[in-house]
Amino acid sequence: MVNLENKTAKGIQTQLHIMEVAIGLFKKHGYDNVSVDRIVKESKTSKGSFYQHFPSKSSIFMNRFMELDERYIKIYEELKPQYPTAIERLEAFCYEVLHCIEEDMGKELMRVIYSAAIISNEHTFFTNEDRKLYIILREIIEDGIKDNSIKNIESTYIFYKILVQSILGAIYFWGLQLDNNKLEYLGRPLIKQLIMSIR
């Protein structure tokens, strides 16, 4: 049993190592200029080991976003008792999402991810409606309709789509900027205006 646990821990460590090396290479050389062979060589692993942990090169991004989604769940659970109404939770949560993206992913990596997502059809994490992030957003909106703090929306789904498009747009706009402005600073007026429109 101990050996199995050690093997599992070693497997997780290898996966994280490959992911960090790959992301470093993507940042430095661009997603399309980095092959699986290059990742294997730079991470000092084998091709078999790579494919044991990642079905494809693009799945590295998916894993990173899945990790981030787990963090969003914890953040939302911490926010719930702090804000009595759903609309307050929605605003606070959106700010936290922007903060996490900058802190955990960074501008350079988000530029790489956006570029790769536009070029390749493999990237579905931005449009996957079953992502935990998107489930949380829909849950908050539904709670807002129930507690009457969210009004003037056509439907949960339509407003959720508007919100997601706004967040993705803020990230894209931030990625285009050549300054050191924080993502949350750039996105805050947009989120605030959206929240004002549904009060």
N, C-alpha and C. Protein backbone atom coordinates (compact mmCIF):
# COMPACT_ATOMS: atom_id res chain seq x y z
N MET A 1 0.83 -1.21 0.00
CA MET A 1 0.00 0.00 0.00
C MET A 1 0.86 1.26 0.00
N VAL A 2 1.93 1.23 0.78
CA VAL A 2 2.82 2.38 0.87
C VAL A 2 3.46 2.64 -0.50
N ASN A 3 3.88 1.54 -1.17
CA ASN A 3 4.51 1.68 -2.49
C ASN A 3 3.54 2.31 -3.50
N LEU A 4 2.25 1.91 -3.44
CA LEU A 4 1.24 2.46 -4.34
C LEU A 4 1.06 3.95 -4.09
N GLU A 5 1.03 4.33 -2.81
CA GLU A 5 0.88 5.75 -2.47
C GLU A 5 2.07 6.55 -2.96
N ASN A 6 3.29 5.98 -2.79
CA ASN A 6 4.49 6.65 -3.25
C ASN A 6 4.49 6.81 -4.77
N LYS A 7 4.01 5.74 -5.46
CA LYS A 7 3.94 5.78 -6.91
C LYS A 7 2.96 6.86 -7.37
N THR A 8 1.83 6.95 -6.68
CA THR A 8 0.83 7.97 -7.01
C THR A 8 1.41 9.37 -6.79
N ALA A 9 2.08 9.56 -5.67
CA ALA A 9 2.69 10.85 -5.36
C ALA A 9 3.76 11.19 -6.39
N LYS A 10 4.53 10.18 -6.80
CA LYS A 10 5.58 10.39 -7.80
C LYS A 10 4.95 10.75 -9.15
N GLY A 11 3.84 10.08 -9.48
CA GLY A 11 3.13 10.36 -10.73
C GLY A 11 2.61 11.78 -10.78
N ILE A 12 2.05 12.25 -9.67
CA ILE A 12 1.53 13.62 -9.58
C ILE A 12 2.68 14.61 -9.71
N GLN A 13 3.80 14.28 -9.06
CA GLN A 13 4.98 15.15 -9.13
C GLN A 13 5.50 15.25 -10.57
N THR A 14 5.53 14.12 -11.26
CA THR A 14 5.98 14.09 -12.66
C THR A 14 5.04 14.91 -13.54
N GLN A 15 3.74 14.75 -13.34
CA GLN A 15 2.75 15.50 -14.12
C GLN A 15 2.93 17.00 -13.93
N LEU A 16 3.08 17.42 -12.68
CA LEU A 16 3.27 18.84 -12.38
C LEU A 16 4.57 19.36 -13.00
N HIS A 17 5.62 18.54 -12.94
CA HIS A 17 6.91 18.93 -13.52
C HIS A 17 6.79 19.13 -15.03
N ILE A 18 6.17 18.18 -15.71
CA ILE A 18 5.99 18.29 -17.16
C ILE A 18 5.18 19.55 -17.49
N MET A 19 4.11 19.77 -16.72
CA MET A 19 3.25 20.92 -16.96
C MET A 19 4.01 22.23 -16.79
N GLU A 20 4.79 22.36 -15.74
CA GLU A 20 5.54 23.59 -15.49
C GLU A 20 6.58 23.84 -16.58
N VAL A 21 7.28 22.77 -16.99
CA VAL A 21 8.28 22.91 -18.06
C VAL A 21 7.60 23.34 -19.35
N ALA A 22 6.49 22.67 -19.69
CA ALA A 22 5.77 22.98 -20.93
C ALA A 22 5.28 24.42 -20.94
N ILE A 23 4.70 24.86 -19.84
CA ILE A 23 4.17 26.22 -19.76
C ILE A 23 5.31 27.24 -19.90
N GLY A 24 6.45 26.94 -19.29
CA GLY A 24 7.62 27.81 -19.43
C GLY A 24 8.07 27.91 -20.89
N LEU A 25 8.03 26.78 -21.58
CA LEU A 25 8.42 26.77 -23.00
C LEU A 25 7.39 27.53 -23.86
N PHE A 26 6.10 27.34 -23.55
CA PHE A 26 5.05 28.05 -24.30
C PHE A 26 5.23 29.56 -24.15
N LYS A 27 5.53 29.98 -22.93
CA LYS A 27 5.71 31.42 -22.68
C LYS A 27 6.89 31.97 -23.47
N LYS A 28 7.96 31.19 -23.52
CA LYS A 28 9.20 31.66 -24.13
C LYS A 28 9.17 31.58 -25.66
N HIS A 29 8.60 30.50 -26.19
CA HIS A 29 8.71 30.25 -27.64
C HIS A 29 7.37 30.30 -28.39
N GLY A 30 6.25 30.34 -27.65
CA GLY A 30 4.95 30.29 -28.31
C GLY A 30 4.44 28.86 -28.39
N TYR A 31 3.17 28.70 -28.25
CA TYR A 31 2.55 27.37 -28.21
C TYR A 31 2.86 26.54 -29.46
N ASP A 32 2.70 27.13 -30.63
CA ASP A 32 2.87 26.38 -31.88
C ASP A 32 4.33 26.01 -32.16
N ASN A 33 5.25 26.69 -31.52
CA ASN A 33 6.67 26.43 -31.75
C ASN A 33 7.27 25.41 -30.78
N VAL A 34 6.43 24.86 -29.93
CA VAL A 34 6.92 23.88 -28.95
C VAL A 34 6.25 22.53 -29.23
N SER A 35 7.05 21.54 -29.53
CA SER A 35 6.53 20.20 -29.81
C SER A 35 6.52 19.36 -28.54
N VAL A 36 5.80 18.24 -28.60
CA VAL A 36 5.81 17.29 -27.48
C VAL A 36 7.23 16.78 -27.26
N ASP A 37 7.96 16.54 -28.35
CA ASP A 37 9.35 16.08 -28.24
C ASP A 37 10.22 17.07 -27.46
N ARG A 38 9.98 18.36 -27.72
CA ARG A 38 10.74 19.40 -27.01
C ARG A 38 10.38 19.40 -25.51
N ILE A 39 9.11 19.25 -25.21
CA ILE A 39 8.68 19.21 -23.80
C ILE A 39 9.31 18.02 -23.10
N VAL A 40 9.28 16.86 -23.76
CA VAL A 40 9.86 15.63 -23.20
C VAL A 40 11.36 15.82 -22.93
N LYS A 41 12.05 16.40 -23.92
CA LYS A 41 13.50 16.62 -23.78
C LYS A 41 13.82 17.57 -22.64
N GLU A 42 13.12 18.71 -22.61
CA GLU A 42 13.40 19.74 -21.60
C GLU A 42 12.99 19.29 -20.19
N SER A 43 11.97 18.45 -20.11
CA SER A 43 11.51 17.99 -18.78
C SER A 43 12.26 16.74 -18.33
N LYS A 44 13.13 16.21 -19.23
CA LYS A 44 13.92 15.00 -18.94
C LYS A 44 13.01 13.82 -18.55
N THR A 45 11.93 13.69 -19.33
CA THR A 45 11.02 12.57 -19.13
C THR A 45 10.95 11.79 -20.45
N SER A 46 10.04 10.84 -20.54
CA SER A 46 9.89 10.07 -21.77
C SER A 46 8.57 10.43 -22.44
N LYS A 47 8.46 10.07 -23.72
CA LYS A 47 7.22 10.32 -24.45
C LYS A 47 6.07 9.52 -23.83
N GLY A 48 6.38 8.31 -23.40
CA GLY A 48 5.38 7.47 -22.74
C GLY A 48 4.86 8.12 -21.47
N SER A 49 5.77 8.71 -20.71
CA SER A 49 5.40 9.40 -19.48
C SER A 49 4.52 10.62 -19.78
N PHE A 50 4.89 11.35 -20.83
CA PHE A 50 4.09 12.53 -21.22
C PHE A 50 2.66 12.11 -21.51
N TYR A 51 2.50 11.10 -22.39
CA TYR A 51 1.16 10.71 -22.81
C TYR A 51 0.39 9.96 -21.72
N GLN A 52 1.11 9.47 -20.73
CA GLN A 52 0.44 8.87 -19.57
C GLN A 52 -0.30 9.95 -18.76
N HIS A 53 0.27 11.16 -18.76
CA HIS A 53 -0.30 12.26 -17.97
C HIS A 53 -1.13 13.23 -18.80
N PHE A 54 -0.80 13.37 -20.09
CA PHE A 54 -1.49 14.34 -20.95
C PHE A 54 -1.85 13.69 -22.29
N PRO A 55 -3.14 13.61 -22.63
CA PRO A 55 -3.54 13.01 -23.90
C PRO A 55 -3.02 13.79 -25.11
N SER A 56 -2.79 15.09 -24.93
CA SER A 56 -2.30 15.93 -26.03
C SER A 56 -1.59 17.14 -25.44
N LYS A 57 -0.92 17.86 -26.31
CA LYS A 57 -0.21 19.07 -25.88
C LYS A 57 -1.20 20.09 -25.30
N SER A 58 -2.35 20.22 -25.95
CA SER A 58 -3.33 21.22 -25.52
C SER A 58 -3.95 20.89 -24.16
N SER A 59 -3.93 19.62 -23.78
CA SER A 59 -4.53 19.24 -22.49
C SER A 59 -3.75 19.79 -21.30
N ILE A 60 -2.53 20.26 -21.55
CA ILE A 60 -1.74 20.90 -20.48
C ILE A 60 -2.47 22.14 -19.98
N PHE A 61 -3.02 22.93 -20.92
CA PHE A 61 -3.79 24.11 -20.53
C PHE A 61 -5.04 23.71 -19.76
N MET A 62 -5.69 22.66 -20.24
CA MET A 62 -6.91 22.20 -19.59
C MET A 62 -6.63 21.84 -18.13
N ASN A 63 -5.53 21.14 -17.89
CA ASN A 63 -5.17 20.77 -16.52
C ASN A 63 -4.95 21.99 -15.65
N ARG A 64 -4.30 22.99 -16.24
CA ARG A 64 -4.02 24.21 -15.47
C ARG A 64 -5.33 24.92 -15.11
N PHE A 65 -6.26 24.98 -16.06
CA PHE A 65 -7.56 25.61 -15.78
C PHE A 65 -8.40 24.80 -14.81
N MET A 66 -8.27 23.47 -14.86
CA MET A 66 -8.99 22.63 -13.90
C MET A 66 -8.49 22.89 -12.48
N GLU A 67 -7.18 23.07 -12.34
CA GLU A 67 -6.60 23.42 -11.04
C GLU A 67 -7.18 24.75 -10.55
N LEU A 68 -7.26 25.70 -11.46
CA LEU A 68 -7.78 27.02 -11.12
C LEU A 68 -9.25 26.93 -10.73
N ASP A 69 -10.01 26.09 -11.42
CA ASP A 69 -11.42 25.92 -11.10
C ASP A 69 -11.62 25.38 -9.68
N GLU A 70 -10.72 24.49 -9.26
CA GLU A 70 -10.79 23.98 -7.87
C GLU A 70 -10.58 25.12 -6.88
N ARG A 71 -9.71 26.03 -7.24
CA ARG A 71 -9.47 27.20 -6.38
C ARG A 71 -10.71 28.09 -6.32
N TYR A 72 -11.41 28.24 -7.45
CA TYR A 72 -12.63 29.05 -7.48
C TYR A 72 -13.68 28.50 -6.52
N ILE A 73 -13.78 27.18 -6.44
CA ILE A 73 -14.76 26.56 -5.54
C ILE A 73 -14.47 26.98 -4.10
N LYS A 74 -13.21 26.91 -3.70
CA LYS A 74 -12.82 27.31 -2.34
C LYS A 74 -13.10 28.79 -2.10
N ILE A 75 -12.75 29.61 -3.07
CA ILE A 75 -12.97 31.05 -2.95
C ILE A 75 -14.45 31.35 -2.76
N TYR A 76 -15.29 30.70 -3.57
CA TYR A 76 -16.74 30.96 -3.48
C TYR A 76 -17.29 30.52 -2.12
N GLU A 77 -16.82 29.39 -1.63
CA GLU A 77 -17.28 28.93 -0.31
C GLU A 77 -16.89 29.93 0.78
N GLU A 78 -15.74 30.56 0.64
CA GLU A 78 -15.30 31.57 1.62
C GLU A 78 -16.09 32.87 1.48
N LEU A 79 -16.51 33.19 0.24
CA LEU A 79 -17.27 34.43 0.01
C LEU A 79 -18.70 34.36 0.51
N LYS A 80 -19.30 33.19 0.43
CA LYS A 80 -20.73 33.03 0.75
C LYS A 80 -21.14 33.68 2.07
N PRO A 81 -20.47 33.36 3.18
CA PRO A 81 -20.91 33.96 4.45
C PRO A 81 -20.63 35.46 4.58
N GLN A 82 -19.76 35.99 3.73
CA GLN A 82 -19.38 37.40 3.83
C GLN A 82 -20.39 38.35 3.19
N TYR A 83 -21.15 37.83 2.22
CA TYR A 83 -22.07 38.69 1.46
C TYR A 83 -23.49 38.14 1.54
N PRO A 84 -24.41 38.92 2.08
CA PRO A 84 -25.78 38.41 2.32
C PRO A 84 -26.61 38.20 1.05
N THR A 85 -26.32 38.95 -0.01
CA THR A 85 -27.13 38.81 -1.23
C THR A 85 -26.29 38.24 -2.37
N ALA A 86 -26.98 37.59 -3.29
CA ALA A 86 -26.29 36.96 -4.42
C ALA A 86 -25.59 37.98 -5.31
N ILE A 87 -26.20 39.14 -5.48
CA ILE A 87 -25.59 40.15 -6.36
C ILE A 87 -24.26 40.65 -5.77
N GLU A 88 -24.17 40.74 -4.46
CA GLU A 88 -22.91 41.13 -3.82
C GLU A 88 -21.87 40.01 -3.99
N ARG A 89 -22.32 38.76 -3.87
CA ARG A 89 -21.42 37.62 -4.05
C ARG A 89 -20.91 37.56 -5.49
N LEU A 90 -21.81 37.88 -6.44
CA LEU A 90 -21.43 37.84 -7.85
C LEU A 90 -20.32 38.85 -8.15
N GLU A 91 -20.51 40.07 -7.67
CA GLU A 91 -19.51 41.11 -7.91
C GLU A 91 -18.17 40.73 -7.28
N ALA A 92 -18.20 40.32 -6.02
CA ALA A 92 -16.96 39.96 -5.31
C ALA A 92 -16.28 38.76 -5.98
N PHE A 93 -17.07 37.79 -6.40
CA PHE A 93 -16.51 36.60 -7.03
C PHE A 93 -15.85 36.93 -8.37
N CYS A 94 -16.48 37.78 -9.16
CA CYS A 94 -15.89 38.19 -10.44
C CYS A 94 -14.54 38.87 -10.25
N TYR A 95 -14.44 39.71 -9.23
CA TYR A 95 -13.15 40.36 -8.95
C TYR A 95 -12.10 39.32 -8.57
N GLU A 96 -12.51 38.33 -7.78
CA GLU A 96 -11.59 37.28 -7.36
C GLU A 96 -11.11 36.45 -8.56
N VAL A 97 -12.02 36.20 -9.50
CA VAL A 97 -11.65 35.45 -10.71
C VAL A 97 -10.56 36.20 -11.47
N LEU A 98 -10.74 37.49 -11.67
CA LEU A 98 -9.74 38.29 -12.38
C LEU A 98 -8.41 38.28 -11.63
N HIS A 99 -8.49 38.40 -10.32
CA HIS A 99 -7.28 38.39 -9.49
C HIS A 99 -6.54 37.05 -9.63
N CYS A 100 -7.27 35.94 -9.58
CA CYS A 100 -6.67 34.61 -9.68
C CYS A 100 -6.02 34.38 -11.03
N ILE A 101 -6.67 34.83 -12.09
CA ILE A 101 -6.12 34.63 -13.43
C ILE A 101 -4.77 35.34 -13.55
N GLU A 102 -4.70 36.55 -13.02
CA GLU A 102 -3.42 37.27 -13.09
C GLU A 102 -2.38 36.60 -12.20
N GLU A 103 -2.79 36.22 -11.00
CA GLU A 103 -1.85 35.66 -10.03
C GLU A 103 -1.36 34.26 -10.44
N ASP A 104 -2.29 33.40 -10.88
CA ASP A 104 -1.94 32.01 -11.17
C ASP A 104 -1.48 31.76 -12.60
N MET A 105 -1.96 32.57 -13.54
CA MET A 105 -1.62 32.34 -14.94
C MET A 105 -0.63 33.40 -15.46
N GLY A 106 -0.92 34.66 -15.18
CA GLY A 106 -0.05 35.74 -15.65
C GLY A 106 -0.39 36.18 -17.06
N LYS A 107 0.01 37.40 -17.38
CA LYS A 107 -0.33 37.99 -18.68
C LYS A 107 0.30 37.23 -19.84
N GLU A 108 1.57 36.88 -19.72
CA GLU A 108 2.26 36.22 -20.84
C GLU A 108 1.62 34.88 -21.18
N LEU A 109 1.31 34.09 -20.15
CA LEU A 109 0.70 32.79 -20.41
C LEU A 109 -0.70 32.94 -20.99
N MET A 110 -1.46 33.91 -20.51
CA MET A 110 -2.81 34.13 -21.04
C MET A 110 -2.75 34.57 -22.50
N ARG A 111 -1.74 35.32 -22.87
CA ARG A 111 -1.56 35.69 -24.29
C ARG A 111 -1.34 34.43 -25.13
N VAL A 112 -0.49 33.54 -24.62
CA VAL A 112 -0.20 32.29 -25.32
C VAL A 112 -1.46 31.45 -25.45
N ILE A 113 -2.21 31.33 -24.36
CA ILE A 113 -3.42 30.51 -24.34
C ILE A 113 -4.46 31.07 -25.30
N TYR A 114 -4.67 32.39 -25.28
CA TYR A 114 -5.65 33.00 -26.18
C TYR A 114 -5.25 32.79 -27.63
N SER A 115 -3.97 32.98 -27.94
CA SER A 115 -3.50 32.78 -29.32
C SER A 115 -3.72 31.34 -29.75
N ALA A 116 -3.35 30.40 -28.90
CA ALA A 116 -3.50 28.97 -29.23
C ALA A 116 -4.97 28.59 -29.36
N ALA A 117 -5.82 29.15 -28.52
CA ALA A 117 -7.25 28.83 -28.54
C ALA A 117 -7.90 29.29 -29.83
N ILE A 118 -7.45 30.42 -30.36
CA ILE A 118 -8.02 30.95 -31.61
C ILE A 118 -7.57 30.12 -32.81
N ILE A 119 -6.30 29.70 -32.79
CA ILE A 119 -5.73 28.97 -33.91
C ILE A 119 -6.20 27.51 -33.95
N SER A 120 -6.24 26.87 -32.77
CA SER A 120 -6.51 25.44 -32.71
C SER A 120 -7.93 25.14 -32.28
N ASN A 121 -8.53 24.11 -32.87
CA ASN A 121 -9.87 23.67 -32.48
C ASN A 121 -9.83 22.73 -31.27
N GLU A 122 -8.63 22.38 -30.82
CA GLU A 122 -8.50 21.47 -29.69
C GLU A 122 -8.90 22.12 -28.37
N HIS A 123 -8.78 23.43 -28.31
CA HIS A 123 -8.98 24.14 -27.05
C HIS A 123 -10.47 24.40 -26.82
N THR A 124 -11.02 23.73 -25.85
CA THR A 124 -12.46 23.89 -25.58
C THR A 124 -12.73 24.42 -24.18
N PHE A 125 -11.68 24.69 -23.40
CA PHE A 125 -11.93 25.07 -22.01
C PHE A 125 -12.66 26.39 -21.86
N PHE A 126 -12.49 27.32 -22.81
CA PHE A 126 -13.18 28.61 -22.70
C PHE A 126 -14.68 28.47 -22.98
N THR A 127 -15.05 27.48 -23.77
CA THR A 127 -16.45 27.33 -24.16
C THR A 127 -17.14 26.15 -23.46
N ASN A 128 -16.43 25.43 -22.63
CA ASN A 128 -17.01 24.27 -21.94
C ASN A 128 -17.93 24.74 -20.81
N GLU A 129 -19.23 24.62 -21.02
CA GLU A 129 -20.20 25.13 -20.05
C GLU A 129 -20.27 24.31 -18.77
N ASP A 130 -19.60 23.15 -18.76
CA ASP A 130 -19.56 22.32 -17.56
C ASP A 130 -18.38 22.65 -16.66
N ARG A 131 -17.59 23.65 -17.06
CA ARG A 131 -16.50 24.09 -16.18
C ARG A 131 -17.06 24.53 -14.85
N LYS A 132 -16.34 24.23 -13.79
CA LYS A 132 -16.82 24.59 -12.44
C LYS A 132 -17.01 26.09 -12.29
N LEU A 133 -16.14 26.87 -12.92
CA LEU A 133 -16.28 28.33 -12.88
C LEU A 133 -17.64 28.75 -13.41
N TYR A 134 -18.03 28.20 -14.54
CA TYR A 134 -19.30 28.59 -15.17
C TYR A 134 -20.50 28.08 -14.37
N ILE A 135 -20.35 26.92 -13.77
CA ILE A 135 -21.43 26.38 -12.92
C ILE A 135 -21.65 27.30 -11.73
N ILE A 136 -20.56 27.78 -11.13
CA ILE A 136 -20.66 28.70 -9.99
C ILE A 136 -21.37 29.99 -10.41
N LEU A 137 -20.98 30.54 -11.56
CA LEU A 137 -21.61 31.79 -12.03
C LEU A 137 -23.11 31.61 -12.22
N ARG A 138 -23.52 30.51 -12.83
CA ARG A 138 -24.95 30.27 -13.04
C ARG A 138 -25.69 30.09 -11.71
N GLU A 139 -25.03 29.42 -10.78
CA GLU A 139 -25.63 29.21 -9.45
C GLU A 139 -25.88 30.55 -8.74
N ILE A 140 -24.89 31.44 -8.82
CA ILE A 140 -25.04 32.75 -8.17
C ILE A 140 -26.18 33.54 -8.82
N ILE A 141 -26.25 33.51 -10.14
CA ILE A 141 -27.32 34.24 -10.84
C ILE A 141 -28.69 33.69 -10.44
N GLU A 142 -28.81 32.36 -10.39
CA GLU A 142 -30.08 31.75 -9.98
C GLU A 142 -30.44 32.13 -8.55
N ASP A 143 -29.43 32.16 -7.67
CA ASP A 143 -29.66 32.59 -6.29
C ASP A 143 -30.13 34.04 -6.24
N GLY A 144 -29.58 34.87 -7.13
CA GLY A 144 -29.96 36.28 -7.19
C GLY A 144 -31.39 36.48 -7.65
N ILE A 145 -31.85 35.63 -8.54
CA ILE A 145 -33.25 35.70 -8.98
C ILE A 145 -34.16 35.29 -7.82
N LYS A 146 -33.73 34.28 -7.07
CA LYS A 146 -34.54 33.80 -5.93
C LYS A 146 -34.61 34.83 -4.81
N ASP A 147 -33.46 35.46 -4.49
CA ASP A 147 -33.49 36.43 -3.38
C ASP A 147 -33.84 37.85 -3.86
N ASN A 148 -34.15 37.97 -5.16
CA ASN A 148 -34.61 39.22 -5.76
C ASN A 148 -33.54 40.32 -5.77
N SER A 149 -32.27 39.92 -5.64
CA SER A 149 -31.21 40.93 -5.71
C SER A 149 -30.75 41.13 -7.15
N ILE A 150 -31.05 40.16 -8.02
CA ILE A 150 -30.74 40.27 -9.45
C ILE A 150 -32.03 40.41 -10.22
N LYS A 151 -32.13 41.50 -10.98
CA LYS A 151 -33.35 41.80 -11.73
C LYS A 151 -32.98 42.18 -13.16
N ASN A 152 -33.99 42.43 -13.95
CA ASN A 152 -33.80 42.96 -15.31
C ASN A 152 -32.92 42.08 -16.20
N ILE A 153 -33.01 40.75 -16.05
CA ILE A 153 -32.28 39.89 -16.98
C ILE A 153 -33.29 39.01 -17.72
N GLU A 154 -32.96 38.70 -18.96
CA GLU A 154 -33.87 37.90 -19.79
C GLU A 154 -33.95 36.46 -19.29
N SER A 155 -32.78 35.90 -18.93
CA SER A 155 -32.72 34.55 -18.37
C SER A 155 -31.37 34.36 -17.71
N THR A 156 -31.28 33.34 -16.85
CA THR A 156 -30.00 33.01 -16.22
C THR A 156 -28.95 32.74 -17.28
N TYR A 157 -29.32 31.94 -18.28
CA TYR A 157 -28.36 31.51 -19.30
C TYR A 157 -27.84 32.70 -20.11
N ILE A 158 -28.73 33.57 -20.53
CA ILE A 158 -28.30 34.72 -21.35
C ILE A 158 -27.38 35.64 -20.55
N PHE A 159 -27.74 35.93 -19.29
CA PHE A 159 -26.88 36.82 -18.52
C PHE A 159 -25.55 36.14 -18.20
N TYR A 160 -25.58 34.85 -17.94
CA TYR A 160 -24.33 34.11 -17.69
C TYR A 160 -23.40 34.22 -18.91
N LYS A 161 -23.97 34.09 -20.12
CA LYS A 161 -23.16 34.19 -21.34
C LYS A 161 -22.58 35.60 -21.49
N ILE A 162 -23.38 36.61 -21.17
CA ILE A 162 -22.90 38.00 -21.23
C ILE A 162 -21.75 38.20 -20.26
N LEU A 163 -21.90 37.65 -19.06
CA LEU A 163 -20.88 37.78 -18.02
C LEU A 163 -19.58 37.09 -18.44
N VAL A 164 -19.68 35.88 -18.96
CA VAL A 164 -18.49 35.14 -19.40
C VAL A 164 -17.80 35.88 -20.54
N GLN A 165 -18.58 36.36 -21.52
CA GLN A 165 -17.99 37.10 -22.64
C GLN A 165 -17.30 38.37 -22.15
N SER A 166 -17.87 39.01 -21.15
CA SER A 166 -17.27 40.23 -20.59
C SER A 166 -15.95 39.93 -19.90
N ILE A 167 -15.92 38.85 -19.12
CA ILE A 167 -14.69 38.46 -18.42
C ILE A 167 -13.60 38.09 -19.43
N LEU A 168 -13.97 37.28 -20.44
CA LEU A 168 -13.00 36.89 -21.46
C LEU A 168 -12.50 38.12 -22.23
N GLY A 169 -13.41 39.06 -22.49
CA GLY A 169 -13.03 40.30 -23.18
C GLY A 169 -12.07 41.13 -22.36
N ALA A 170 -12.31 41.20 -21.05
CA ALA A 170 -11.42 41.95 -20.16
C ALA A 170 -10.03 41.33 -20.15
N ILE A 171 -9.98 39.99 -20.13
CA ILE A 171 -8.68 39.30 -20.14
C ILE A 171 -7.95 39.57 -21.46
N TYR A 172 -8.69 39.51 -22.57
CA TYR A 172 -8.10 39.77 -23.88
C TYR A 172 -7.55 41.20 -23.96
N PHE A 173 -8.36 42.16 -23.51
CA PHE A 173 -7.95 43.57 -23.53
C PHE A 173 -6.70 43.77 -22.67
N TRP A 174 -6.67 43.13 -21.51
CA TRP A 174 -5.51 43.20 -20.61
C TRP A 174 -4.27 42.64 -21.31
N GLY A 175 -4.45 41.52 -22.02
CA GLY A 175 -3.33 40.91 -22.74
C GLY A 175 -2.76 41.79 -23.84
N LEU A 176 -3.59 42.65 -24.40
CA LEU A 176 -3.14 43.56 -25.47
C LEU A 176 -2.32 44.73 -24.93
N GLN A 177 -2.51 45.05 -23.65
CA GLN A 177 -1.84 46.22 -23.06
C GLN A 177 -0.36 45.93 -22.83
N LEU A 178 0.46 46.92 -23.10
CA LEU A 178 1.91 46.77 -22.91
C LEU A 178 2.38 47.43 -21.62
N ASP A 179 1.44 47.65 -20.70
CA ASP A 179 1.79 48.26 -19.42
C ASP A 179 1.68 47.22 -18.30
N ASN A 180 1.82 47.68 -17.07
CA ASN A 180 1.78 46.77 -15.93
C ASN A 180 0.48 46.86 -15.13
N ASN A 181 -0.57 47.39 -15.77
CA ASN A 181 -1.86 47.47 -15.08
C ASN A 181 -2.36 46.09 -14.68
N LYS A 182 -2.96 46.02 -13.52
CA LYS A 182 -3.52 44.76 -13.02
C LYS A 182 -4.79 44.42 -13.80
N LEU A 183 -5.02 43.13 -13.98
CA LEU A 183 -6.23 42.68 -14.67
C LEU A 183 -7.48 43.11 -13.90
N GLU A 184 -7.46 42.98 -12.59
CA GLU A 184 -8.62 43.37 -11.79
C GLU A 184 -8.91 44.87 -11.93
N TYR A 185 -7.85 45.68 -12.00
CA TYR A 185 -8.01 47.13 -12.17
C TYR A 185 -8.70 47.45 -13.50
N LEU A 186 -8.29 46.75 -14.56
CA LEU A 186 -8.88 46.98 -15.88
C LEU A 186 -10.31 46.45 -15.97
N GLY A 187 -10.56 45.31 -15.31
CA GLY A 187 -11.86 44.67 -15.42
C GLY A 187 -12.91 45.18 -14.45
N ARG A 188 -12.47 45.84 -13.39
CA ARG A 188 -13.41 46.29 -12.34
C ARG A 188 -14.51 47.22 -12.86
N PRO A 189 -14.21 48.25 -13.66
CA PRO A 189 -15.30 49.12 -14.15
C PRO A 189 -16.34 48.36 -14.98
N LEU A 190 -15.90 47.40 -15.76
CA LEU A 190 -16.80 46.59 -16.58
C LEU A 190 -17.74 45.77 -15.70
N ILE A 191 -17.17 45.09 -14.72
CA ILE A 191 -17.97 44.26 -13.81
C ILE A 191 -18.95 45.14 -13.03
N LYS A 192 -18.46 46.27 -12.55
CA LYS A 192 -19.31 47.18 -11.78
C LYS A 192 -20.50 47.67 -12.60
N GLN A 193 -20.26 48.00 -13.86
CA GLN A 193 -21.32 48.47 -14.74
C GLN A 193 -22.35 47.36 -15.00
N LEU A 194 -21.87 46.14 -15.21
CA LEU A 194 -22.77 45.00 -15.41
C LEU A 194 -23.64 44.76 -14.19
N ILE A 195 -23.02 44.84 -13.02
CA ILE A 195 -23.76 44.63 -11.77
C ILE A 195 -24.83 45.72 -11.59
N MET A 196 -24.46 46.97 -11.89
CA MET A 196 -25.41 48.08 -11.79
C MET A 196 -26.63 47.85 -12.70
N SER A 197 -26.39 47.25 -13.86
CA SER A 197 -27.48 47.06 -14.82
C SER A 197 -28.50 46.00 -14.41
N ILE A 198 -28.14 45.17 -13.43
CA ILE A 198 -29.08 44.09 -13.03
C ILE A 198 -29.60 44.29 -11.60
N ARG A 199 -29.37 45.43 -11.02
CA ARG A 199 -29.88 45.68 -9.66
C ARG A 199 -31.38 45.95 -9.70
